Amino acid sequence: METARRTYLVVIDDTDECQTALRYAAQRAAHVGGALALIHVLAPPDFVQWGGVQAAIREEARSKGEELLARVAAQAEAASGAAPITLLREGDPAASVLEAIEEDRSIAMLVLATAPKGAPGPLIAHFTGERAAGLPCLVAIVPGGLREYEVDALT
């Protein structure tokens, strides 16, 4: 019996914890012959009275999001040996991530990481709270205080 290729989904932003989650997911995918998917969610722009200005703001945010995804995808490919799938969405981050998971049934794990100190972020709170029981995939939470070699040992 052939099993479907497992995909590890990582939410991409400019935080240190994103790098921790990416390191874990990229190496894990490489070790098990899985795929890596990266999602970056753009916040909807605040309403601006002039449509042209709002369109320019939206386009600038999209361009920055595409640049971030391209940069992180190159890092991920170097770590895992395979080009990741990239997704750029706009809207509520939790809803956008859930939508991506529901659209792609190969996603076997959502990989998030905590900040080194402080309370967990909103995505961790969302995906480990009431909604956790209804998710179609696992959620991995990588402690943000781990050093690179400790993350490597876990993969």
N, C-alpha and C. Protein backbone atom coordinates (compact mmCIF):
# COMPACT_ATOMS: atom_id res chain seq x y z
N MET A 1 0.84 -1.18 0.00
CA MET A 1 0.00 0.00 0.00
C MET A 1 0.89 1.24 0.00
N GLU A 2 0.61 2.16 -0.90
CA GLU A 2 1.38 3.39 -1.00
C GLU A 2 0.75 4.45 -0.11
N THR A 3 1.59 5.16 0.65
CA THR A 3 1.07 6.21 1.50
C THR A 3 1.27 7.55 0.83
N ALA A 4 0.38 8.47 1.11
CA ALA A 4 0.47 9.81 0.54
C ALA A 4 1.66 10.55 1.16
N ARG A 5 2.24 11.41 0.39
CA ARG A 5 3.36 12.22 0.87
C ARG A 5 2.86 13.20 1.92
N ARG A 6 3.52 13.22 3.06
CA ARG A 6 3.12 14.11 4.14
C ARG A 6 3.72 15.50 3.92
N THR A 7 2.90 16.51 4.17
CA THR A 7 3.33 17.89 4.03
C THR A 7 3.32 18.55 5.39
N TYR A 8 4.38 19.33 5.66
CA TYR A 8 4.53 20.07 6.91
C TYR A 8 4.31 21.55 6.60
N LEU A 9 3.33 22.16 7.23
CA LEU A 9 2.96 23.55 6.97
C LEU A 9 3.53 24.46 8.04
N VAL A 10 4.21 25.53 7.61
CA VAL A 10 4.80 26.50 8.52
C VAL A 10 4.27 27.89 8.17
N VAL A 11 3.86 28.64 9.19
CA VAL A 11 3.40 30.01 9.01
C VAL A 11 4.64 30.91 9.00
N ILE A 12 4.77 31.71 7.96
CA ILE A 12 5.96 32.53 7.77
C ILE A 12 5.68 33.99 8.12
N ASP A 13 6.55 34.52 8.98
CA ASP A 13 6.54 35.95 9.30
C ASP A 13 7.96 36.36 9.64
N ASP A 14 8.16 37.52 10.23
CA ASP A 14 9.50 38.02 10.51
C ASP A 14 9.98 37.71 11.92
N THR A 15 9.39 36.75 12.60
CA THR A 15 9.76 36.48 13.98
C THR A 15 10.85 35.42 14.07
N ASP A 16 11.57 35.42 15.20
CA ASP A 16 12.59 34.39 15.44
C ASP A 16 11.94 33.02 15.55
N GLU A 17 10.75 32.97 16.16
CA GLU A 17 10.10 31.66 16.31
C GLU A 17 9.72 31.05 14.97
N CYS A 18 9.48 31.88 13.98
CA CYS A 18 9.21 31.36 12.63
C CYS A 18 10.41 30.59 12.13
N GLN A 19 11.60 31.11 12.37
CA GLN A 19 12.82 30.43 11.94
C GLN A 19 12.99 29.08 12.65
N THR A 20 12.60 29.04 13.92
CA THR A 20 12.68 27.79 14.69
C THR A 20 11.72 26.75 14.11
N ALA A 21 10.49 27.17 13.85
CA ALA A 21 9.50 26.25 13.27
C ALA A 21 9.94 25.79 11.89
N LEU A 22 10.48 26.70 11.11
CA LEU A 22 10.95 26.37 9.76
C LEU A 22 12.08 25.35 9.81
N ARG A 23 13.02 25.54 10.70
CA ARG A 23 14.15 24.61 10.82
C ARG A 23 13.64 23.20 11.14
N TYR A 24 12.74 23.13 12.13
CA TYR A 24 12.20 21.82 12.51
C TYR A 24 11.47 21.17 11.33
N ALA A 25 10.55 21.92 10.72
CA ALA A 25 9.71 21.36 9.65
C ALA A 25 10.53 20.96 8.43
N ALA A 26 11.49 21.79 8.04
CA ALA A 26 12.30 21.48 6.86
C ALA A 26 13.13 20.21 7.07
N GLN A 27 13.72 20.09 8.25
CA GLN A 27 14.52 18.91 8.51
C GLN A 27 13.65 17.67 8.68
N ARG A 28 12.52 17.83 9.31
CA ARG A 28 11.61 16.69 9.49
C ARG A 28 11.12 16.20 8.13
N ALA A 29 10.72 17.13 7.27
CA ALA A 29 10.27 16.76 5.93
C ALA A 29 11.37 16.03 5.16
N ALA A 30 12.60 16.51 5.28
CA ALA A 30 13.71 15.86 4.59
C ALA A 30 13.94 14.44 5.13
N HIS A 31 13.82 14.26 6.44
CA HIS A 31 14.06 12.95 7.04
C HIS A 31 13.01 11.90 6.68
N VAL A 32 11.78 12.34 6.47
CA VAL A 32 10.72 11.36 6.19
C VAL A 32 10.27 11.37 4.73
N GLY A 33 10.96 12.11 3.90
CA GLY A 33 10.58 12.17 2.49
C GLY A 33 9.29 12.95 2.27
N GLY A 34 9.04 13.88 3.15
CA GLY A 34 7.82 14.69 3.05
C GLY A 34 8.06 15.98 2.29
N ALA A 35 7.02 16.76 2.21
CA ALA A 35 7.07 18.05 1.54
C ALA A 35 6.92 19.16 2.57
N LEU A 36 7.28 20.34 2.18
CA LEU A 36 7.19 21.51 3.05
C LEU A 36 6.32 22.54 2.36
N ALA A 37 5.40 23.13 3.12
CA ALA A 37 4.56 24.21 2.61
C ALA A 37 4.72 25.41 3.53
N LEU A 38 4.83 26.58 2.94
CA LEU A 38 5.00 27.83 3.68
C LEU A 38 3.83 28.74 3.37
N ILE A 39 3.24 29.30 4.41
CA ILE A 39 2.13 30.22 4.21
C ILE A 39 2.43 31.54 4.91
N HIS A 40 2.20 32.62 4.18
CA HIS A 40 2.32 33.97 4.74
C HIS A 40 0.96 34.63 4.56
N VAL A 41 0.45 35.20 5.64
CA VAL A 41 -0.87 35.81 5.59
C VAL A 41 -0.74 37.32 5.73
N LEU A 42 -1.25 38.01 4.74
CA LEU A 42 -1.25 39.47 4.74
C LEU A 42 -2.47 39.98 5.50
N ALA A 43 -2.25 40.97 6.34
CA ALA A 43 -3.37 41.61 7.01
C ALA A 43 -4.10 42.47 5.99
N PRO A 44 -5.42 42.45 6.01
CA PRO A 44 -6.14 43.32 5.07
C PRO A 44 -5.80 44.78 5.39
N PRO A 45 -5.58 45.61 4.38
CA PRO A 45 -5.23 47.00 4.66
C PRO A 45 -6.40 47.73 5.31
N ASP A 46 -6.04 48.68 6.14
CA ASP A 46 -7.07 49.54 6.72
C ASP A 46 -7.77 50.29 5.59
N PHE A 47 -9.03 50.59 5.82
CA PHE A 47 -9.80 51.30 4.80
C PHE A 47 -9.21 52.68 4.57
N VAL A 48 -8.96 53.00 3.31
CA VAL A 48 -8.49 54.31 2.91
C VAL A 48 -9.54 54.87 1.96
N GLN A 49 -9.88 56.11 2.14
CA GLN A 49 -10.97 56.70 1.38
C GLN A 49 -10.73 56.67 -0.13
N TRP A 50 -9.49 56.76 -0.56
CA TRP A 50 -9.21 56.80 -1.99
C TRP A 50 -8.79 55.42 -2.45
N GLY A 51 -9.53 54.88 -3.37
CA GLY A 51 -9.31 53.51 -3.85
C GLY A 51 -7.93 53.27 -4.42
N GLY A 52 -7.38 54.26 -5.14
CA GLY A 52 -6.05 54.10 -5.71
C GLY A 52 -4.98 53.96 -4.66
N VAL A 53 -5.13 54.72 -3.58
CA VAL A 53 -4.16 54.64 -2.48
C VAL A 53 -4.27 53.27 -1.81
N GLN A 54 -5.49 52.81 -1.58
CA GLN A 54 -5.68 51.51 -0.95
C GLN A 54 -5.12 50.39 -1.83
N ALA A 55 -5.30 50.48 -3.13
CA ALA A 55 -4.76 49.47 -4.05
C ALA A 55 -3.23 49.48 -4.01
N ALA A 56 -2.63 50.66 -3.92
CA ALA A 56 -1.17 50.76 -3.85
C ALA A 56 -0.65 50.15 -2.54
N ILE A 57 -1.35 50.40 -1.44
CA ILE A 57 -0.97 49.84 -0.14
C ILE A 57 -1.05 48.32 -0.20
N ARG A 58 -2.13 47.82 -0.77
CA ARG A 58 -2.32 46.37 -0.88
C ARG A 58 -1.23 45.75 -1.76
N GLU A 59 -0.91 46.38 -2.87
CA GLU A 59 0.11 45.85 -3.77
C GLU A 59 1.49 45.87 -3.12
N GLU A 60 1.80 46.91 -2.34
CA GLU A 60 3.09 46.96 -1.65
C GLU A 60 3.19 45.84 -0.61
N ALA A 61 2.10 45.61 0.13
CA ALA A 61 2.09 44.53 1.12
C ALA A 61 2.26 43.18 0.43
N ARG A 62 1.60 42.98 -0.68
CA ARG A 62 1.70 41.73 -1.43
C ARG A 62 3.13 41.52 -1.93
N SER A 63 3.74 42.57 -2.43
CA SER A 63 5.10 42.49 -2.93
C SER A 63 6.07 42.11 -1.80
N LYS A 64 5.92 42.75 -0.64
CA LYS A 64 6.77 42.43 0.51
C LYS A 64 6.53 40.99 0.97
N GLY A 65 5.29 40.54 0.95
CA GLY A 65 4.97 39.17 1.33
C GLY A 65 5.59 38.17 0.37
N GLU A 66 5.55 38.47 -0.92
CA GLU A 66 6.16 37.58 -1.92
C GLU A 66 7.67 37.52 -1.74
N GLU A 67 8.30 38.68 -1.44
CA GLU A 67 9.75 38.71 -1.20
C GLU A 67 10.11 37.88 0.03
N LEU A 68 9.34 38.02 1.10
CA LEU A 68 9.59 37.25 2.33
C LEU A 68 9.47 35.75 2.04
N LEU A 69 8.40 35.36 1.37
CA LEU A 69 8.22 33.95 1.04
C LEU A 69 9.35 33.42 0.17
N ALA A 70 9.78 34.19 -0.80
CA ALA A 70 10.87 33.75 -1.69
C ALA A 70 12.17 33.57 -0.89
N ARG A 71 12.45 34.51 -0.01
CA ARG A 71 13.67 34.43 0.80
C ARG A 71 13.64 33.20 1.72
N VAL A 72 12.52 33.00 2.38
CA VAL A 72 12.39 31.88 3.31
C VAL A 72 12.33 30.55 2.54
N ALA A 73 11.72 30.54 1.38
CA ALA A 73 11.66 29.32 0.57
C ALA A 73 13.07 28.90 0.16
N ALA A 74 13.93 29.85 -0.15
CA ALA A 74 15.31 29.52 -0.50
C ALA A 74 16.02 28.89 0.70
N GLN A 75 15.81 29.42 1.90
CA GLN A 75 16.39 28.84 3.12
C GLN A 75 15.87 27.42 3.32
N ALA A 76 14.57 27.26 3.15
CA ALA A 76 13.94 25.95 3.36
C ALA A 76 14.46 24.93 2.36
N GLU A 77 14.63 25.35 1.11
CA GLU A 77 15.15 24.42 0.10
C GLU A 77 16.57 23.99 0.44
N ALA A 78 17.37 24.93 0.93
CA ALA A 78 18.74 24.59 1.32
C ALA A 78 18.75 23.59 2.48
N ALA A 79 17.79 23.73 3.40
CA ALA A 79 17.74 22.84 4.58
C ALA A 79 17.14 21.48 4.26
N SER A 80 16.15 21.46 3.37
CA SER A 80 15.42 20.20 3.14
C SER A 80 15.81 19.50 1.84
N GLY A 81 16.41 20.24 0.93
CA GLY A 81 16.79 19.65 -0.35
C GLY A 81 15.68 19.67 -1.39
N ALA A 82 14.53 20.24 -1.05
CA ALA A 82 13.42 20.31 -2.01
C ALA A 82 12.75 21.69 -1.91
N ALA A 83 12.28 22.16 -3.03
CA ALA A 83 11.58 23.45 -3.06
C ALA A 83 10.23 23.32 -2.35
N PRO A 84 9.92 24.24 -1.44
CA PRO A 84 8.63 24.17 -0.75
C PRO A 84 7.50 24.75 -1.59
N ILE A 85 6.31 24.38 -1.22
CA ILE A 85 5.10 24.99 -1.76
C ILE A 85 4.95 26.33 -1.03
N THR A 86 4.60 27.40 -1.73
CA THR A 86 4.40 28.68 -1.06
C THR A 86 2.97 29.16 -1.28
N LEU A 87 2.41 29.68 -0.22
CA LEU A 87 1.03 30.18 -0.24
C LEU A 87 1.02 31.60 0.31
N LEU A 88 0.39 32.51 -0.39
CA LEU A 88 0.24 33.88 0.07
C LEU A 88 -1.26 34.15 0.16
N ARG A 89 -1.73 34.46 1.34
CA ARG A 89 -3.15 34.70 1.57
C ARG A 89 -3.33 36.07 2.20
N GLU A 90 -4.55 36.56 2.17
CA GLU A 90 -4.90 37.81 2.83
C GLU A 90 -6.10 37.56 3.72
N GLY A 91 -6.04 38.07 4.94
CA GLY A 91 -7.17 37.94 5.85
C GLY A 91 -6.73 37.60 7.25
N ASP A 92 -7.63 36.97 7.98
CA ASP A 92 -7.36 36.54 9.34
C ASP A 92 -6.36 35.39 9.30
N PRO A 93 -5.24 35.48 10.05
CA PRO A 93 -4.23 34.42 9.97
C PRO A 93 -4.77 33.03 10.32
N ALA A 94 -5.48 32.89 11.42
CA ALA A 94 -5.97 31.57 11.84
C ALA A 94 -6.93 30.99 10.78
N ALA A 95 -7.83 31.80 10.30
CA ALA A 95 -8.79 31.34 9.29
C ALA A 95 -8.07 30.97 7.99
N SER A 96 -7.07 31.75 7.60
CA SER A 96 -6.33 31.47 6.37
C SER A 96 -5.53 30.18 6.48
N VAL A 97 -4.92 29.94 7.64
CA VAL A 97 -4.16 28.71 7.84
C VAL A 97 -5.10 27.51 7.81
N LEU A 98 -6.22 27.62 8.50
CA LEU A 98 -7.19 26.53 8.52
C LEU A 98 -7.72 26.25 7.11
N GLU A 99 -7.97 27.27 6.36
CA GLU A 99 -8.44 27.10 4.97
C GLU A 99 -7.39 26.35 4.14
N ALA A 100 -6.12 26.72 4.31
CA ALA A 100 -5.05 26.03 3.57
C ALA A 100 -4.98 24.56 3.95
N ILE A 101 -5.14 24.25 5.23
CA ILE A 101 -5.12 22.86 5.70
C ILE A 101 -6.29 22.08 5.12
N GLU A 102 -7.46 22.69 5.09
CA GLU A 102 -8.64 22.01 4.55
C GLU A 102 -8.55 21.81 3.04
N GLU A 103 -7.87 22.72 2.34
CA GLU A 103 -7.73 22.60 0.89
C GLU A 103 -6.72 21.54 0.47
N ASP A 104 -5.69 21.33 1.29
CA ASP A 104 -4.63 20.39 0.94
C ASP A 104 -4.60 19.26 1.96
N ARG A 105 -5.18 18.14 1.60
CA ARG A 105 -5.29 17.00 2.53
C ARG A 105 -3.95 16.30 2.75
N SER A 106 -2.90 16.69 2.02
CA SER A 106 -1.59 16.10 2.28
C SER A 106 -0.92 16.74 3.50
N ILE A 107 -1.47 17.86 3.98
CA ILE A 107 -0.88 18.51 5.16
C ILE A 107 -1.13 17.63 6.36
N ALA A 108 -0.05 17.07 6.88
CA ALA A 108 -0.12 16.16 8.02
C ALA A 108 0.20 16.85 9.33
N MET A 109 0.89 18.01 9.24
CA MET A 109 1.28 18.69 10.47
C MET A 109 1.41 20.19 10.25
N LEU A 110 0.83 20.96 11.16
CA LEU A 110 1.03 22.39 11.24
C LEU A 110 2.13 22.59 12.27
N VAL A 111 3.23 23.22 11.86
CA VAL A 111 4.37 23.41 12.76
C VAL A 111 4.44 24.87 13.18
N LEU A 112 4.31 25.10 14.48
CA LEU A 112 4.41 26.42 15.07
C LEU A 112 5.51 26.40 16.11
N ALA A 113 6.03 27.56 16.46
CA ALA A 113 7.03 27.64 17.52
C ALA A 113 6.64 28.78 18.46
N THR A 114 6.99 28.59 19.72
CA THR A 114 6.71 29.62 20.72
C THR A 114 7.83 30.66 20.70
N ALA A 115 7.54 31.81 21.25
CA ALA A 115 8.58 32.80 21.48
C ALA A 115 9.46 32.28 22.61
N PRO A 116 10.72 32.69 22.67
CA PRO A 116 11.59 32.21 23.74
C PRO A 116 11.06 32.52 25.15
N LYS A 117 10.32 33.60 25.28
CA LYS A 117 9.75 33.98 26.58
C LYS A 117 8.35 34.54 26.36
N GLY A 118 7.55 34.46 27.38
CA GLY A 118 6.22 35.06 27.32
C GLY A 118 5.14 34.07 26.92
N ALA A 119 3.97 34.60 26.78
CA ALA A 119 2.79 33.79 26.45
C ALA A 119 2.85 33.31 25.01
N PRO A 120 2.19 32.18 24.73
CA PRO A 120 2.14 31.72 23.34
C PRO A 120 1.41 32.73 22.46
N GLY A 121 1.73 32.71 21.21
CA GLY A 121 1.11 33.63 20.28
C GLY A 121 -0.33 33.25 19.95
N PRO A 122 -1.01 34.11 19.20
CA PRO A 122 -2.42 33.88 18.90
C PRO A 122 -2.69 32.61 18.07
N LEU A 123 -1.77 32.24 17.19
CA LEU A 123 -1.99 31.02 16.40
C LEU A 123 -1.88 29.78 17.27
N ILE A 124 -0.93 29.76 18.19
CA ILE A 124 -0.82 28.62 19.09
C ILE A 124 -2.07 28.53 19.96
N ALA A 125 -2.49 29.66 20.50
CA ALA A 125 -3.71 29.66 21.32
C ALA A 125 -4.90 29.17 20.51
N HIS A 126 -5.00 29.60 19.28
CA HIS A 126 -6.14 29.22 18.44
C HIS A 126 -6.14 27.72 18.13
N PHE A 127 -5.00 27.22 17.68
CA PHE A 127 -4.94 25.83 17.22
C PHE A 127 -4.75 24.80 18.32
N THR A 128 -4.55 25.24 19.55
CA THR A 128 -4.47 24.29 20.67
C THR A 128 -5.65 24.45 21.62
N GLY A 129 -6.55 25.33 21.31
CA GLY A 129 -7.73 25.55 22.14
C GLY A 129 -8.88 24.65 21.70
N GLU A 130 -10.06 25.20 21.75
CA GLU A 130 -11.28 24.45 21.43
C GLU A 130 -11.25 23.80 20.05
N ARG A 131 -10.61 24.45 19.10
CA ARG A 131 -10.63 23.95 17.72
C ARG A 131 -9.69 22.76 17.49
N ALA A 132 -8.81 22.48 18.44
CA ALA A 132 -7.81 21.43 18.24
C ALA A 132 -8.43 20.07 17.92
N ALA A 133 -9.53 19.75 18.57
CA ALA A 133 -10.15 18.43 18.36
C ALA A 133 -10.69 18.25 16.95
N GLY A 134 -10.99 19.33 16.25
CA GLY A 134 -11.57 19.22 14.92
C GLY A 134 -10.58 19.35 13.78
N LEU A 135 -9.30 19.51 14.10
CA LEU A 135 -8.31 19.67 13.03
C LEU A 135 -8.05 18.35 12.31
N PRO A 136 -7.83 18.41 11.01
CA PRO A 136 -7.54 17.19 10.25
C PRO A 136 -6.05 16.84 10.23
N CYS A 137 -5.23 17.53 11.03
CA CYS A 137 -3.79 17.26 11.05
C CYS A 137 -3.25 17.46 12.46
N LEU A 138 -2.01 17.04 12.64
CA LEU A 138 -1.33 17.26 13.91
C LEU A 138 -0.86 18.70 14.02
N VAL A 139 -0.66 19.16 15.24
CA VAL A 139 -0.05 20.47 15.48
C VAL A 139 1.21 20.22 16.31
N ALA A 140 2.34 20.66 15.80
CA ALA A 140 3.59 20.55 16.53
C ALA A 140 3.97 21.93 17.02
N ILE A 141 4.32 22.01 18.30
CA ILE A 141 4.75 23.28 18.88
C ILE A 141 6.20 23.11 19.32
N VAL A 142 7.08 23.81 18.64
CA VAL A 142 8.50 23.75 18.93
C VAL A 142 8.82 24.84 19.95
N PRO A 143 9.43 24.48 21.07
CA PRO A 143 9.78 25.50 22.07
C PRO A 143 10.77 26.51 21.50
N GLY A 144 10.45 27.76 21.62
CA GLY A 144 11.29 28.82 21.06
C GLY A 144 12.63 29.00 21.74
N GLY A 145 12.79 28.44 22.92
CA GLY A 145 14.05 28.56 23.63
C GLY A 145 15.09 27.52 23.23
N LEU A 146 14.74 26.60 22.33
CA LEU A 146 15.69 25.58 21.91
C LEU A 146 16.79 26.19 21.05
N ARG A 147 17.99 25.67 21.21
CA ARG A 147 19.11 26.07 20.33
C ARG A 147 19.00 25.25 19.04
N GLU A 148 19.70 25.72 18.02
CA GLU A 148 19.62 25.04 16.71
C GLU A 148 19.96 23.56 16.83
N TYR A 149 21.01 23.22 17.55
CA TYR A 149 21.40 21.81 17.65
C TYR A 149 20.35 21.01 18.40
N GLU A 150 19.60 21.63 19.30
CA GLU A 150 18.53 20.92 20.00
C GLU A 150 17.35 20.67 19.07
N VAL A 151 17.04 21.63 18.22
CA VAL A 151 15.99 21.44 17.21
C VAL A 151 16.42 20.32 16.26
N ASP A 152 17.67 20.36 15.84
CA ASP A 152 18.18 19.33 14.93
C ASP A 152 18.05 17.94 15.54
N ALA A 153 18.32 17.81 16.82
CA ALA A 153 18.24 16.51 17.49
C ALA A 153 16.82 15.98 17.53
N LEU A 154 15.83 16.86 17.53
CA LEU A 154 14.43 16.43 17.58
C LEU A 154 13.90 15.97 16.22
N THR A 155 14.57 16.34 15.15
CA THR A 155 14.06 15.98 13.82
C THR A 155 14.48 14.59 13.45
